[in-house]
């Protein structure tokens, strides 16, 4: 049960802010329930690293990297002024840029976690 909670809680803030789908949160919760709370945290950590690399590759391949950094700056400025809340233009509902299925980085995080244990 602790693994399920840890796995779900790790990505829930990103879902609540509109930057990640519910399926990714449920996938992490299921992996946490299956493997335990500590491996869930490692999966999230390695998955986040893989997701960052893959996001840069996708942004470069689609010519979106400059806009991605501009959007990041807008989001950080919004959070500074209004507090940490969704910026409607940059949520998944209104996204115009390329998308990355986050199950792929989670799977990479799972493989690295299993390989290292």
Protein backbone atom coordinates (compact mmCIF):
# COMPACT_ATOMS: atom_id res chain seq x y z
CA UNK A 1 0.00 0.00 0.00
CA UNK A 2 2.88 2.35 0.80
CA UNK A 3 4.35 1.69 -2.64
CA UNK A 4 1.07 2.52 -4.32
CA UNK A 5 0.84 5.80 -2.43
CA UNK A 6 4.48 6.73 -3.06
CA UNK A 7 4.28 5.85 -6.75
CA UNK A 8 1.11 7.87 -7.22
CA UNK A 9 2.23 10.81 -5.12
CA UNK A 10 5.51 11.27 -6.95
CA UNK A 11 3.89 12.46 -10.21
CA UNK A 12 0.53 13.68 -8.88
CA UNK A 13 1.66 17.34 -8.60
CA UNK A 14 2.51 17.34 -12.32
CA UNK A 15 -0.93 15.93 -13.10
CA UNK A 16 -2.61 18.50 -10.84
CA UNK A 17 -0.79 21.31 -12.67
CA UNK A 18 -1.95 20.00 -16.04
CA UNK A 19 1.43 18.87 -17.30
CA UNK A 20 0.99 15.10 -17.12
CA UNK A 21 -1.81 12.67 -17.84
CA UNK A 22 -3.60 10.60 -15.23
CA UNK A 23 -2.45 7.39 -16.92
CA UNK A 24 1.17 8.16 -16.10
CA UNK A 25 0.27 8.72 -12.43
CA UNK A 26 -1.68 5.44 -12.37
CA UNK A 27 1.23 3.62 -14.03
CA UNK A 28 3.61 4.87 -11.33
CA UNK A 29 1.11 3.91 -8.62
CA UNK A 30 0.84 0.40 -10.08
CA UNK A 31 4.63 0.04 -10.28
CA UNK A 32 4.91 1.25 -6.68
CA UNK A 33 2.29 -1.27 -5.57
CA UNK A 34 4.15 -4.01 -7.39
CA UNK A 35 7.75 -3.19 -6.41
CA UNK A 36 7.44 -1.11 -3.21
CA UNK A 37 7.93 2.51 -2.24
CA UNK A 38 11.72 2.69 -2.57
CA UNK A 39 11.90 1.29 -6.11
CA UNK A 40 9.02 3.62 -7.07
CA UNK A 41 11.13 6.60 -6.06
CA UNK A 42 14.09 5.30 -8.06
CA UNK A 43 11.85 4.65 -11.09
CA UNK A 44 10.61 8.24 -10.84
CA UNK A 45 14.13 9.63 -10.51
CA UNK A 46 15.58 7.66 -13.43
CA UNK A 47 12.40 8.23 -15.44
CA UNK A 48 12.64 11.98 -14.90
CA UNK A 49 16.23 11.97 -16.13
CA UNK A 50 15.25 9.92 -19.19
CA UNK A 51 12.24 12.17 -19.75
CA UNK A 52 14.42 15.26 -19.71
CA UNK A 53 16.79 13.80 -22.29
CA UNK A 54 13.93 12.55 -24.48
CA UNK A 55 12.12 15.91 -24.22
CA UNK A 56 15.22 17.72 -25.49
CA UNK A 57 15.61 15.21 -28.33
CA UNK A 58 11.93 15.56 -29.34
CA UNK A 59 12.11 19.37 -29.09
CA UNK A 60 15.28 19.47 -31.21
CA UNK A 61 13.86 17.08 -33.80
CA UNK A 62 10.68 19.13 -34.16
CA UNK A 63 12.31 22.57 -34.05
CA UNK A 64 10.49 23.39 -30.81
CA UNK A 65 13.42 23.78 -28.40
CA UNK A 66 13.47 27.60 -28.37
CA UNK A 67 9.70 27.73 -27.78
CA UNK A 68 10.00 25.10 -25.04
CA UNK A 69 12.52 27.24 -23.15
CA UNK A 70 10.36 30.33 -23.68
CA UNK A 71 7.38 28.43 -22.27
CA UNK A 72 9.45 27.34 -19.28
CA UNK A 73 10.36 30.98 -18.63
CA UNK A 74 6.70 32.00 -18.86
CA UNK A 75 5.70 29.24 -16.46
CA UNK A 76 8.35 30.18 -13.90
CA UNK A 77 7.35 33.85 -14.11
CA UNK A 78 3.68 32.90 -13.69
CA UNK A 79 4.51 30.82 -10.62
CA UNK A 80 6.57 33.68 -9.19
CA UNK A 81 3.71 36.14 -9.57
CA UNK A 82 0.57 34.04 -9.07
CA UNK A 83 1.93 31.11 -7.06
CA UNK A 84 2.21 27.51 -8.17
CA UNK A 85 -0.94 26.97 -10.19
CA UNK A 86 -1.61 25.83 -13.76
CA UNK A 87 -0.92 28.27 -16.57
CA UNK A 88 -3.87 27.49 -18.89
CA UNK A 89 -1.93 28.08 -22.13
CA UNK A 90 0.66 25.48 -21.14
CA UNK A 91 -1.50 22.60 -19.90
CA UNK A 92 -1.96 19.37 -21.85
CA UNK A 93 -5.45 20.49 -22.89
CA UNK A 94 -4.13 23.54 -24.74
CA UNK A 95 -0.66 22.34 -25.76
CA UNK A 96 0.40 23.10 -29.31
CA UNK A 97 3.89 21.63 -29.20
CA UNK A 98 5.07 18.07 -29.66
CA UNK A 99 4.04 15.55 -27.03
CA UNK A 100 6.08 12.89 -25.32
CA UNK A 101 4.30 9.79 -24.07
CA UNK A 102 5.73 9.72 -20.55
CA UNK A 103 5.22 5.96 -20.26
CA UNK A 104 8.43 5.64 -22.29
CA UNK A 105 10.65 7.45 -19.73
CA UNK A 106 8.85 5.61 -16.91
CA UNK A 107 9.66 2.32 -18.65
CA UNK A 108 13.30 3.37 -19.00
CA UNK A 109 13.31 4.27 -15.29
CA UNK A 110 11.86 0.84 -14.50
CA UNK A 111 14.53 -0.94 -16.56
CA UNK A 112 17.36 1.00 -14.90
CA UNK A 113 15.90 0.40 -11.43
CA UNK A 114 15.56 -3.35 -12.06
CA UNK A 115 19.05 -3.50 -13.58
CA UNK A 116 20.62 -1.71 -10.60
CA UNK A 117 18.93 -3.85 -7.95
